[in-house]
Amino acid sequence: VATRMPKALANRLMHFEIRADFPSFLRWAVSRHLNE
């Protein structure tokens, strides 16, 4: 569910795309005690 972001709003923001990354997930999962 997504609509195009207006350019005027986009230009007010700093943008980052978040991608799946296992080392990052593992660090988080261990610190949150996810199931073994």
Full PDB file with SEQRES, HELIX, SHEET, SSBOND, CRYST1, ORIGX, SCALE, CONECT and MASTER records, all heavy atoms in Angstrom:
SEQRES   1 A   36  VAL ALA THR ARG MET PRO LYS ALA LEU ALA ASN ARG LEU          
SEQRES   2 A   36  MET HIS PHE GLU ILE ARG ALA ASP PHE PRO SER PHE LEU          
SEQRES   3 A   36  ARG TRP ALA VAL SER ARG HIS LEU ASN GLU                      
HELIX    1 AA1 LYS A    7  ALA A   10  1                                   4    
HELIX    2 AA2 PHE A   22  SER A   31  1                                  10    
CRYST1    1.000    1.000    1.000  90.00  90.00  90.00 P 1           1          
ORIGX1      1.000000  0.000000  0.000000        0.00000                         
ORIGX2      0.000000  1.000000  0.000000        0.00000                         
ORIGX3      0.000000  0.000000  1.000000        0.00000                         
SCALE1      1.000000  0.000000  0.000000        0.00000                         
SCALE2      0.000000  1.000000  0.000000        0.00000                         
SCALE3      0.000000  0.000000  1.000000        0.00000                         
ATOM      1  N   VAL A   1       0.863  -1.176   0.000  1.00  0.00           N  
ATOM      2  CA  VAL A   1       0.000   0.000   0.000  1.00  0.00           C  
ATOM      3  C   VAL A   1       0.899   1.225   0.000  1.00  0.00           C  
ATOM      4  O   VAL A   1       1.530   1.546   0.999  1.00  0.00           O  
ATOM      5  CB  VAL A   1      -0.917   0.007   1.242  1.00  0.00           C  
ATOM      6  CG1 VAL A   1      -1.815   1.240   1.225  1.00  0.00           C  
ATOM      7  CG2 VAL A   1      -1.757  -1.259   1.276  1.00  0.00           C  
ATOM      8  N   ALA A   2       1.002   1.906  -1.139  1.00  0.00           N  
ATOM      9  CA  ALA A   2       1.918   3.040  -1.238  1.00  0.00           C  
ATOM     10  C   ALA A   2       1.436   4.010  -2.304  1.00  0.00           C  
ATOM     11  O   ALA A   2       0.933   3.594  -3.348  1.00  0.00           O  
ATOM     12  CB  ALA A   2       3.336   2.567  -1.565  1.00  0.00           C  
ATOM     13  N   THR A   3       1.584   5.288  -2.019  1.00  0.00           N  
ATOM     14  CA  THR A   3       1.327   6.334  -3.001  1.00  0.00           C  
ATOM     15  C   THR A   3       2.615   7.126  -3.195  1.00  0.00           C  
ATOM     16  O   THR A   3       3.490   7.132  -2.323  1.00  0.00           O  
ATOM     17  CB  THR A   3       0.210   7.288  -2.532  1.00  0.00           C  
ATOM     18  OG1 THR A   3       0.595   7.869  -1.272  1.00  0.00           O  
ATOM     19  CG2 THR A   3      -1.104   6.548  -2.357  1.00  0.00           C  
ATOM     20  N   ARG A   4       2.719   7.772  -4.341  1.00  0.00           N  
ATOM     21  CA  ARG A   4       3.940   8.510  -4.642  1.00  0.00           C  
ATOM     22  C   ARG A   4       4.116   9.682  -3.674  1.00  0.00           C  
ATOM     23  O   ARG A   4       3.176  10.431  -3.402  1.00  0.00           O  
ATOM     24  CB  ARG A   4       3.899   9.039  -6.071  1.00  0.00           C  
ATOM     25  CG  ARG A   4       5.211   9.692  -6.514  1.00  0.00           C  
ATOM     26  CD  ARG A   4       5.070  10.245  -7.930  1.00  0.00           C  
ATOM     27  NE  ARG A   4       4.570   9.232  -8.847  1.00  0.00           N  
ATOM     28  CZ  ARG A   4       5.317   8.261  -9.360  1.00  0.00           C  
ATOM     29  NH1 ARG A   4       6.592   8.176  -9.029  1.00  0.00           N  
ATOM     30  NH2 ARG A   4       4.809   7.380 -10.183  1.00  0.00           N  
ATOM     31  N   MET A   5       5.304   9.817  -3.146  1.00  0.00           N  
ATOM     32  CA  MET A   5       5.587  10.939  -2.255  1.00  0.00           C  
ATOM     33  C   MET A   5       5.735  12.213  -3.076  1.00  0.00           C  
ATOM     34  O   MET A   5       6.516  12.253  -4.031  1.00  0.00           O  
ATOM     35  CB  MET A   5       6.869  10.690  -1.451  1.00  0.00           C  
ATOM     36  CG  MET A   5       7.257  11.861  -0.549  1.00  0.00           C  
ATOM     37  SD  MET A   5       8.722  11.514   0.457  1.00  0.00           S  
ATOM     38  CE  MET A   5       7.998  10.424   1.696  1.00  0.00           C  
ATOM     39  N   PRO A   6       5.025  13.282  -2.725  1.00  0.00           N  
ATOM     40  CA  PRO A   6       5.181  14.547  -3.455  1.00  0.00           C  
ATOM     41  C   PRO A   6       6.624  15.040  -3.397  1.00  0.00           C  
ATOM     42  O   PRO A   6       7.304  14.903  -2.376  1.00  0.00           O  
ATOM     43  CB  PRO A   6       4.233  15.497  -2.716  1.00  0.00           C  
ATOM     44  CG  PRO A   6       3.255  14.607  -2.015  1.00  0.00           C  
ATOM     45  CD  PRO A   6       4.004  13.365  -1.665  1.00  0.00           C  
ATOM     46  N   LYS A   7       7.087  15.596  -4.512  1.00  0.00           N  
ATOM     47  CA  LYS A   7       8.463  16.069  -4.579  1.00  0.00           C  
ATOM     48  C   LYS A   7       8.753  17.131  -3.521  1.00  0.00           C  
ATOM     49  O   LYS A   7       9.858  17.201  -2.983  1.00  0.00           O  
ATOM     50  CB  LYS A   7       8.753  16.631  -5.967  1.00  0.00           C  
ATOM     51  CG  LYS A   7       8.761  15.602  -7.088  1.00  0.00           C  
ATOM     52  CD  LYS A   7       9.953  14.680  -6.974  1.00  0.00           C  
ATOM     53  CE  LYS A   7      10.065  13.783  -8.199  1.00  0.00           C  
ATOM     54  NZ  LYS A   7      11.242  12.897  -8.119  1.00  0.00           N  
ATOM     55  N   ALA A   8       7.759  17.968  -3.238  1.00  0.00           N  
ATOM     56  CA  ALA A   8       7.981  19.021  -2.246  1.00  0.00           C  
ATOM     57  C   ALA A   8       8.270  18.431  -0.877  1.00  0.00           C  
ATOM     58  O   ALA A   8       9.085  18.970  -0.118  1.00  0.00           O  
ATOM     59  CB  ALA A   8       6.760  19.938  -2.181  1.00  0.00           C  
ATOM     60  N   LEU A   9       7.603  17.317  -0.548  1.00  0.00           N  
ATOM     61  CA  LEU A   9       7.877  16.648   0.729  1.00  0.00           C  
ATOM     62  C   LEU A   9       9.208  15.915   0.667  1.00  0.00           C  
ATOM     63  O   LEU A   9      10.007  15.967   1.601  1.00  0.00           O  
ATOM     64  CB  LEU A   9       6.745  15.674   1.056  1.00  0.00           C  
ATOM     65  CG  LEU A   9       6.934  14.808   2.309  1.00  0.00           C  
ATOM     66  CD1 LEU A   9       7.176  15.673   3.546  1.00  0.00           C  
ATOM     67  CD2 LEU A   9       5.729  13.898   2.521  1.00  0.00           C  
ATOM     68  N   ALA A  10       9.472  15.206  -0.448  1.00  0.00           N  
ATOM     69  CA  ALA A  10      10.717  14.450  -0.589  1.00  0.00           C  
ATOM     70  C   ALA A  10      11.935  15.351  -0.394  1.00  0.00           C  
ATOM     71  O   ALA A  10      12.931  14.955   0.216  1.00  0.00           O  
ATOM     72  CB  ALA A  10      10.774  13.774  -1.950  1.00  0.00           C  
ATOM     73  N   ASN A  11      11.841  16.581  -0.903  1.00  0.00           N  
ATOM     74  CA  ASN A  11      12.982  17.493  -0.825  1.00  0.00           C  
ATOM     75  C   ASN A  11      13.211  18.031   0.577  1.00  0.00           C  
ATOM     76  O   ASN A  11      14.240  18.640   0.849  1.00  0.00           O  
ATOM     77  CB  ASN A  11      12.788  18.651  -1.802  1.00  0.00           C  
ATOM     78  CG  ASN A  11      14.038  19.475  -1.993  1.00  0.00           C  
ATOM     79  OD1 ASN A  11      14.055  20.674  -1.758  1.00  0.00           O  
ATOM     80  ND2 ASN A  11      15.121  18.827  -2.410  1.00  0.00           N  
ATOM     81  N   ARG A  12      12.266  17.804   1.465  1.00  0.00           N  
ATOM     82  CA  ARG A  12      12.419  18.232   2.854  1.00  0.00           C  
ATOM     83  C   ARG A  12      13.104  17.170   3.714  1.00  0.00           C  
ATOM     84  O   ARG A  12      13.329  17.390   4.901  1.00  0.00           O  
ATOM     85  CB  ARG A  12      11.043  18.545   3.451  1.00  0.00           C  
ATOM     86  CG  ARG A  12      10.425  19.853   2.965  1.00  0.00           C  
ATOM     87  CD  ARG A  12       8.947  19.925   3.348  1.00  0.00           C  
ATOM     88  NE  ARG A  12       8.429  21.279   3.315  1.00  0.00           N  
ATOM     89  CZ  ARG A  12       8.079  21.950   2.229  1.00  0.00           C  
ATOM     90  NH1 ARG A  12       8.234  21.362   1.041  1.00  0.00           N  
ATOM     91  NH2 ARG A  12       7.611  23.175   2.308  1.00  0.00           N  
ATOM     92  N   LEU A  13      13.403  16.013   3.129  1.00  0.00           N  
ATOM     93  CA  LEU A  13      13.849  14.859   3.904  1.00  0.00           C  
ATOM     94  C   LEU A  13      15.234  14.381   3.487  1.00  0.00           C  
ATOM     95  O   LEU A  13      15.684  14.617   2.370  1.00  0.00           O  
ATOM     96  CB  LEU A  13      12.855  13.703   3.715  1.00  0.00           C  
ATOM     97  CG  LEU A  13      11.401  13.975   4.091  1.00  0.00           C  
ATOM     98  CD1 LEU A  13      10.525  12.819   3.632  1.00  0.00           C  
ATOM     99  CD2 LEU A  13      11.259  14.208   5.577  1.00  0.00           C  
ATOM    100  N   MET A  14      15.868  13.677   4.410  1.00  0.00           N  
ATOM    101  CA  MET A  14      17.095  12.936   4.116  1.00  0.00           C  
ATOM    102  C   MET A  14      16.699  11.473   3.961  1.00  0.00           C  
ATOM    103  O   MET A  14      16.068  10.906   4.861  1.00  0.00           O  
ATOM    104  CB  MET A  14      18.106  13.106   5.251  1.00  0.00           C  
ATOM    105  CG  MET A  14      19.409  12.350   5.052  1.00  0.00           C  
ATOM    106  SD  MET A  14      20.636  12.808   6.314  1.00  0.00           S  
ATOM    107  CE  MET A  14      19.767  12.374   7.808  1.00  0.00           C  
ATOM    108  N   HIS A  15      17.062  10.841   2.854  1.00  0.00           N  
ATOM    109  CA  HIS A  15      16.540   9.521   2.491  1.00  0.00           C  
ATOM    110  C   HIS A  15      17.581   8.417   2.646  1.00  0.00           C  
ATOM    111  O   HIS A  15      18.735   8.566   2.236  1.00  0.00           O  
ATOM    112  CB  HIS A  15      16.053   9.536   1.039  1.00  0.00           C  
ATOM    113  CG  HIS A  15      14.981  10.538   0.763  1.00  0.00           C  
ATOM    114  ND1 HIS A  15      13.646  10.222   0.820  1.00  0.00           N  
ATOM    115  CD2 HIS A  15      15.042  11.859   0.435  1.00  0.00           C  
ATOM    116  CE1 HIS A  15      12.933  11.304   0.539  1.00  0.00           C  
ATOM    117  NE2 HIS A  15      13.765  12.304   0.300  1.00  0.00           N  
ATOM    118  N   PHE A  16      17.127   7.294   3.202  1.00  0.00           N  
ATOM    119  CA  PHE A  16      17.929   6.074   3.263  1.00  0.00           C  
ATOM    120  C   PHE A  16      17.037   4.889   2.908  1.00  0.00           C  
ATOM    121  O   PHE A  16      15.880   4.825   3.317  1.00  0.00           O  
ATOM    122  CB  PHE A  16      18.517   5.849   4.659  1.00  0.00           C  
ATOM    123  CG  PHE A  16      19.473   6.906   5.106  1.00  0.00           C  
ATOM    124  CD1 PHE A  16      19.092   7.846   6.049  1.00  0.00           C  
ATOM    125  CD2 PHE A  16      20.756   6.979   4.579  1.00  0.00           C  
ATOM    126  CE1 PHE A  16      19.974   8.837   6.463  1.00  0.00           C  
ATOM    127  CE2 PHE A  16      21.647   7.961   4.982  1.00  0.00           C  
ATOM    128  CZ  PHE A  16      21.247   8.900   5.932  1.00  0.00           C  
ATOM    129  N   GLU A  17      17.601   3.976   2.154  1.00  0.00           N  
ATOM    130  CA  GLU A  17      16.891   2.722   1.874  1.00  0.00           C  
ATOM    131  C   GLU A  17      17.426   1.650   2.807  1.00  0.00           C  
ATOM    132  O   GLU A  17      18.645   1.442   2.909  1.00  0.00           O  
ATOM    133  CB  GLU A  17      17.093   2.303   0.418  1.00  0.00           C  
ATOM    134  CG  GLU A  17      16.276   1.074   0.053  1.00  0.00           C  
ATOM    135  CD  GLU A  17      16.322   0.760  -1.440  1.00  0.00           C  
ATOM    136  OE1 GLU A  17      17.246   1.248  -2.118  1.00  0.00           O  
ATOM    137  OE2 GLU A  17      15.438   0.041  -1.916  1.00  0.00           O  
ATOM    138  N   ILE A  18      16.541   0.957   3.502  1.00  0.00           N  
ATOM    139  CA  ILE A  18      16.929  -0.082   4.450  1.00  0.00           C  
ATOM    140  C   ILE A  18      16.818  -1.444   3.759  1.00  0.00           C  
ATOM    141  O   ILE A  18      15.782  -1.784   3.185  1.00  0.00           O  
ATOM    142  CB  ILE A  18      16.018  -0.057   5.699  1.00  0.00           C  
ATOM    143  CG1 ILE A  18      16.034   1.334   6.341  1.00  0.00           C  
ATOM    144  CG2 ILE A  18      16.476  -1.117   6.696  1.00  0.00           C  
ATOM    145  CD1 ILE A  18      17.405   1.817   6.758  1.00  0.00           C  
ATOM    146  N   ARG A  19      17.899  -2.188   3.796  1.00  0.00           N  
ATOM    147  CA  ARG A  19      17.919  -3.513   3.169  1.00  0.00           C  
ATOM    148  C   ARG A  19      18.154  -4.587   4.222  1.00  0.00           C  
ATOM    149  O   ARG A  19      18.726  -4.323   5.296  1.00  0.00           O  
ATOM    150  CB  ARG A  19      19.017  -3.585   2.113  1.00  0.00           C  
ATOM    151  CG  ARG A  19      20.388  -3.216   2.621  1.00  0.00           C  
ATOM    152  CD  ARG A  19      21.459  -3.382   1.564  1.00  0.00           C  
ATOM    153  NE  ARG A  19      22.715  -2.762   1.949  1.00  0.00           N  
ATOM    154  CZ  ARG A  19      23.576  -3.263   2.827  1.00  0.00           C  
ATOM    155  NH1 ARG A  19      23.308  -4.405   3.421  1.00  0.00           N  
ATOM    156  NH2 ARG A  19      24.707  -2.629   3.108  1.00  0.00           N  
ATOM    157  N   ALA A  20      17.701  -5.780   3.926  1.00  0.00           N  
ATOM    158  CA  ALA A  20      17.921  -6.916   4.827  1.00  0.00           C  
ATOM    159  C   ALA A  20      19.401  -7.264   4.854  1.00  0.00           C  
ATOM    160  O   ALA A  20      20.057  -7.293   3.814  1.00  0.00           O  
ATOM    161  CB  ALA A  20      17.099  -8.119   4.366  1.00  0.00           C  
ATOM    162  N   ASP A  21      19.916  -7.535   6.042  1.00  0.00           N  
ATOM    163  CA  ASP A  21      21.343  -7.829   6.198  1.00  0.00           C  
ATOM    164  C   ASP A  21      21.482  -8.783   7.365  1.00  0.00           C  
ATOM    165  O   ASP A  21      21.107  -8.439   8.499  1.00  0.00           O  
ATOM    166  CB  ASP A  21      22.100  -6.520   6.460  1.00  0.00           C  
ATOM    167  CG  ASP A  21      23.556  -6.741   6.793  1.00  0.00           C  
ATOM    168  OD1 ASP A  21      24.328  -7.031   5.866  1.00  0.00           O  
ATOM    169  OD2 ASP A  21      23.912  -6.627   7.984  1.00  0.00           O  
ATOM    170  N   PHE A  22      22.005  -9.978   7.115  1.00  0.00           N  
ATOM    171  CA  PHE A  22      22.018 -10.972   8.187  1.00  0.00           C  
ATOM    172  C   PHE A  22      22.924 -10.617   9.358  1.00  0.00           C  
ATOM    173  O   PHE A  22      22.514 -10.775  10.515  1.00  0.00           O  
ATOM    174  CB  PHE A  22      22.379 -12.361   7.649  1.00  0.00           C  
ATOM    175  CG  PHE A  22      22.398 -13.390   8.758  1.00  0.00           C  
ATOM    176  CD1 PHE A  22      21.218 -13.765   9.375  1.00  0.00           C  
ATOM    177  CD2 PHE A  22      23.588 -13.923   9.209  1.00  0.00           C  
ATOM    178  CE1 PHE A  22      21.220 -14.667  10.431  1.00  0.00           C  
ATOM    179  CE2 PHE A  22      23.603 -14.830  10.252  1.00  0.00           C  
ATOM    180  CZ  PHE A  22      22.415 -15.205  10.864  1.00  0.00           C  
ATOM    181  N   PRO A  23      24.167 -10.149   9.160  1.00  0.00           N  
ATOM    182  CA  PRO A  23      24.978  -9.788  10.335  1.00  0.00           C  
ATOM    183  C   PRO A  23      24.280  -8.763  11.229  1.00  0.00           C  
ATOM    184  O   PRO A  23      24.335  -8.858  12.467  1.00  0.00           O  
ATOM    185  CB  PRO A  23      26.263  -9.221   9.712  1.00  0.00           C  
ATOM    186  CG  PRO A  23      26.365  -9.917   8.400  1.00  0.00           C  
ATOM    187  CD  PRO A  23      24.949 -10.042   7.905  1.00  0.00           C  
ATOM    188  N   SER A  24      23.620  -7.785  10.620  1.00  0.00           N  
ATOM    189  CA  SER A  24      22.881  -6.793  11.402  1.00  0.00           C  
ATOM    190  C   SER A  24      21.730  -7.460  12.150  1.00  0.00           C  
ATOM    191  O   SER A  24      21.503  -7.185  13.334  1.00  0.00           O  
ATOM    192  CB  SER A  24      22.344  -5.707  10.464  1.00  0.00           C  
ATOM    193  OG  SER A  24      21.546  -4.777  11.160  1.00  0.00           O  
ATOM    194  N   PHE A  25      21.001  -8.345  11.469  1.00  0.00           N  
ATOM    195  CA  PHE A  25      19.900  -9.056  12.125  1.00  0.00           C  
ATOM    196  C   PHE A  25      20.411  -9.932  13.254  1.00  0.00           C  
ATOM    197  O   PHE A  25      19.798  -9.996  14.328  1.00  0.00           O  
ATOM    198  CB  PHE A  25      19.161  -9.922  11.096  1.00  0.00           C  
ATOM    199  CG  PHE A  25      18.106 -10.809  11.702  1.00  0.00           C  
ATOM    200  CD1 PHE A  25      16.850 -10.314  11.997  1.00  0.00           C  
ATOM    201  CD2 PHE A  25      18.383 -12.143  11.986  1.00  0.00           C  
ATOM    202  CE1 PHE A  25      15.870 -11.136  12.564  1.00  0.00           C  
ATOM    203  CE2 PHE A  25      17.414 -12.966  12.553  1.00  0.00           C  
ATOM    204  CZ  PHE A  25      16.153 -12.456  12.838  1.00  0.00           C  
ATOM    205  N   LEU A  26      21.536 -10.616  13.045  1.00  0.00           N  
ATOM    206  CA  LEU A  26      22.068 -11.518  14.064  1.00  0.00           C  
ATOM    207  C   LEU A  26      22.429 -10.757  15.336  1.00  0.00           C  
ATOM    208  O   LEU A  26      22.119 -11.205  16.453  1.00  0.00           O  
ATOM    209  CB  LEU A  26      23.291 -12.261  13.524  1.00  0.00           C  
ATOM    210  CG  LEU A  26      23.964 -13.241  14.491  1.00  0.00           C  
ATOM    211  CD1 LEU A  26      23.002 -14.359  14.878  1.00  0.00           C  
ATOM    212  CD2 LEU A  26      25.232 -13.819  13.880  1.00  0.00           C  
ATOM    213  N   ARG A  27      23.089  -9.612  15.178  1.00  0.00           N  
ATOM    214  CA  ARG A  27      23.433  -8.820  16.369  1.00  0.00           C  
ATOM    215  C   ARG A  27      22.180  -8.446  17.151  1.00  0.00           C  
ATOM    216  O   ARG A  27      22.146  -8.554  18.380  1.00  0.00           O  
ATOM    217  CB  ARG A  27      24.192  -7.560  15.949  1.00  0.00           C  
ATOM    218  CG  ARG A  27      25.619  -7.793  15.533  1.00  0.00           C  
ATOM    219  CD  ARG A  27      26.381  -6.490  15.401  1.00  0.00           C  
ATOM    220  NE  ARG A  27      25.903  -5.679  14.279  1.00  0.00           N  
ATOM    221  CZ  ARG A  27      26.348  -5.802  13.039  1.00  0.00           C  
ATOM    222  NH1 ARG A  27      27.272  -6.703  12.762  1.00  0.00           N  
ATOM    223  NH2 ARG A  27      25.881  -5.029  12.077  1.00  0.00           N  
ATOM    224  N   TRP A  28      21.159  -8.015  16.406  1.00  0.00           N  
ATOM    225  CA  TRP A  28      19.909  -7.643  17.062  1.00  0.00           C  
ATOM    226  C   TRP A  28      19.233  -8.859  17.692  1.00  0.00           C  
ATOM    227  O   TRP A  28      18.759  -8.802  18.833  1.00  0.00           O  
ATOM    228  CB  TRP A  28      18.980  -6.981  16.041  1.00  0.00           C  
ATOM    229  CG  TRP A  28      17.627  -6.703  16.588  1.00  0.00           C  
ATOM    230  CD1 TRP A  28      17.236  -5.637  17.335  1.00  0.00           C  
ATOM    231  CD2 TRP A  28      16.467  -7.535  16.444  1.00  0.00           C  
ATOM    232  NE1 TRP A  28      15.904  -5.744  17.670  1.00  0.00           N  
ATOM    233  CE2 TRP A  28      15.403  -6.897  17.131  1.00  0.00           C  
ATOM    234  CE3 TRP A  28      16.220  -8.749  15.782  1.00  0.00           C  
ATOM    235  CZ2 TRP A  28      14.123  -7.431  17.185  1.00  0.00           C  
ATOM    236  CZ3 TRP A  28      14.946  -9.280  15.842  1.00  0.00           C  
ATOM    237  CH2 TRP A  28      13.917  -8.632  16.535  1.00  0.00           C  
ATOM    238  N   ALA A  29      19.189  -9.979  16.968  1.00  0.00           N  
ATOM    239  CA  ALA A  29      18.483 -11.167  17.433  1.00  0.00           C  
ATOM    240  C   ALA A  29      19.123 -11.747  18.693  1.00  0.00           C  
ATOM    241  O   ALA A  29      18.421 -12.167  19.616  1.00  0.00           O  
ATOM    242  CB  ALA A  29      18.456 -12.219  16.320  1.00  0.00           C  
ATOM    243  N   VAL A  30      20.452 -11.779  18.737  1.00  0.00           N  
ATOM    244  CA  VAL A  30      21.135 -12.287  19.934  1.00  0.00           C  
ATOM    245  C   VAL A  30      20.839 -11.388  21.132  1.00  0.00           C  
ATOM    246  O   VAL A  30      20.531 -11.870  22.226  1.00  0.00           O  
ATOM    247  CB  VAL A  30      22.655 -12.394  19.693  1.00  0.00           C  
ATOM    248  CG1 VAL A  30      23.395 -12.666  21.001  1.00  0.00           C  
ATOM    249  CG2 VAL A  30      22.957 -13.502  18.679  1.00  0.00           C  
ATOM    250  N   SER A  31      20.910 -10.080  20.928  1.00  0.00           N  
ATOM    251  CA  SER A  31      20.673  -9.149  22.048  1.00  0.00           C  
ATOM    252  C   SER A  31      19.229  -9.191  22.529  1.00  0.00           C  
ATOM    253  O   SER A  31      18.941  -8.791  23.657  1.00  0.00           O  
ATOM    254  CB  SER A  31      21.043  -7.728  21.629  1.00  0.00           C  
ATOM    255  OG  SER A  31      20.124  -7.205  20.679  1.00  0.00           O  
ATOM    256  N   ARG A  32      18.302  -9.673  21.672  1.00  0.00           N  
ATOM    257  CA  ARG A  32      16.888  -9.788  22.055  1.00  0.00           C  
ATOM    258  C   ARG A  32      16.512 -11.207  22.457  1.00  0.00           C  
ATOM    259  O   ARG A  32      15.350 -11.490  22.716  1.00  0.00           O  
ATOM    260  CB  ARG A  32      15.989  -9.339  20.900  1.00  0.00           C  
ATOM    261  CG  ARG A  32      16.093  -7.867  20.531  1.00  0.00           C  
ATOM    262  CD  ARG A  32      15.838  -6.950  21.725  1.00  0.00           C  
ATOM    263  NE  ARG A  32      15.647  -5.573  21.343  1.00  0.00           N  
ATOM    264  CZ  ARG A  32      16.616  -4.685  21.117  1.00  0.00           C  
ATOM    265  NH1 ARG A  32      17.880  -5.075  21.218  1.00  0.00           N  
ATOM    266  NH2 ARG A  32      16.356  -3.436  20.797  1.00  0.00           N  
ATOM    267  N   HIS A  33      17.486 -12.117  22.505  1.00  0.00           N  
ATOM    268  CA  HIS A  33      17.269 -13.489  22.966  1.00  0.00           C  
ATOM    269  C   HIS A  33      16.250 -14.229  22.101  1.00  0.00           C  
ATOM    270  O   HIS A  33      15.368 -14.926  22.614  1.00  0.00           O  
ATOM    271  CB  HIS A  33      16.809 -13.484  24.444  1.00  0.00           C  
ATOM    272  CG  HIS A  33      17.013 -14.803  25.130  1.00  0.00           C  
ATOM    273  ND1 HIS A  33      16.154 -15.277  26.106  1.00  0.00           N  
ATOM    274  CD2 HIS A  33      17.966 -15.755  24.983  1.00  0.00           C  
ATOM    275  CE1 HIS A  33      16.566 -16.455  26.532  1.00  0.00           C  
ATOM    276  NE2 HIS A  33      17.666 -16.762  25.875  1.00  0.00           N  
ATOM    277  N   LEU A  34      16.375 -14.104  20.782  1.00  0.00           N  
ATOM    278  CA  LEU A  34      15.496 -14.842  19.893  1.00  0.00           C  
ATOM    279  C   LEU A  34      15.765 -16.336  19.998  1.00  0.00           C  
ATOM    280  O   LEU A  34      16.862 -16.766  20.390  1.00  0.00           O  
ATOM    281  CB  LEU A  34      15.665 -14.371  18.441  1.00  0.00           C  
ATOM    282  CG  LEU A  34      14.575 -13.402  17.951  1.00  0.00           C  
ATOM    283  CD1 LEU A  34      14.579 -12.118  18.754  1.00  0.00           C  
ATOM    284  CD2 LEU A  34      14.729 -13.110  16.472  1.00  0.00           C  
ATOM    285  N   ASN A  35      14.797 -17.113  19.627  1.00  0.00           N  
ATOM    286  CA  ASN A  35      14.853 -18.563  19.762  1.00  0.00           C  
ATOM    287  C   ASN A  35      16.079 -19.151  19.063  1.00  0.00           C  
ATOM    288  O   ASN A  35      16.452 -18.733  17.968  1.00  0.00           O  
ATOM    289  CB  ASN A  35      13.577 -19.169  19.177  1.00  0.00           C  
ATOM    290  CG  ASN A  35      13.498 -20.665  19.379  1.00  0.00           C  
ATOM    291  OD1 ASN A  35      13.968 -21.437  18.544  1.00  0.00           O  
ATOM    292  ND2 ASN A  35      12.926 -21.076  20.494  1.00  0.00           N  
ATOM    293  N   GLU A  36      16.681 -20.162  19.698  1.00  0.00           N  
ATOM    294  CA  GLU A  36      17.929 -20.729  19.180  1.00  0.00           C  
ATOM    295  C   GLU A  36      17.738 -21.418  17.823  1.00  0.00           C  
ATOM    296  O   GLU A  36      18.654 -21.438  17.004  1.00  0.00           O  
ATOM    297  CB  GLU A  36      18.526 -21.726  20.188  1.00  0.00           C  
ATOM    298  CG  GLU A  36      17.756 -23.019  20.386  1.00  0.00           C  
ATOM    299  CD  GLU A  36      16.708 -22.938  21.484  1.00  0.00           C  
ATOM    300  OE1 GLU A  36      16.235 -21.824  21.764  1.00  0.00           O  
ATOM    301  OE2 GLU A  36      16.362 -23.993  22.050  1.00  0.00           O  
TER     302      GLU A  36                                                      
MASTER        0    0    0    2    0    0    0    6  301    1    0    3          
END                                                                             
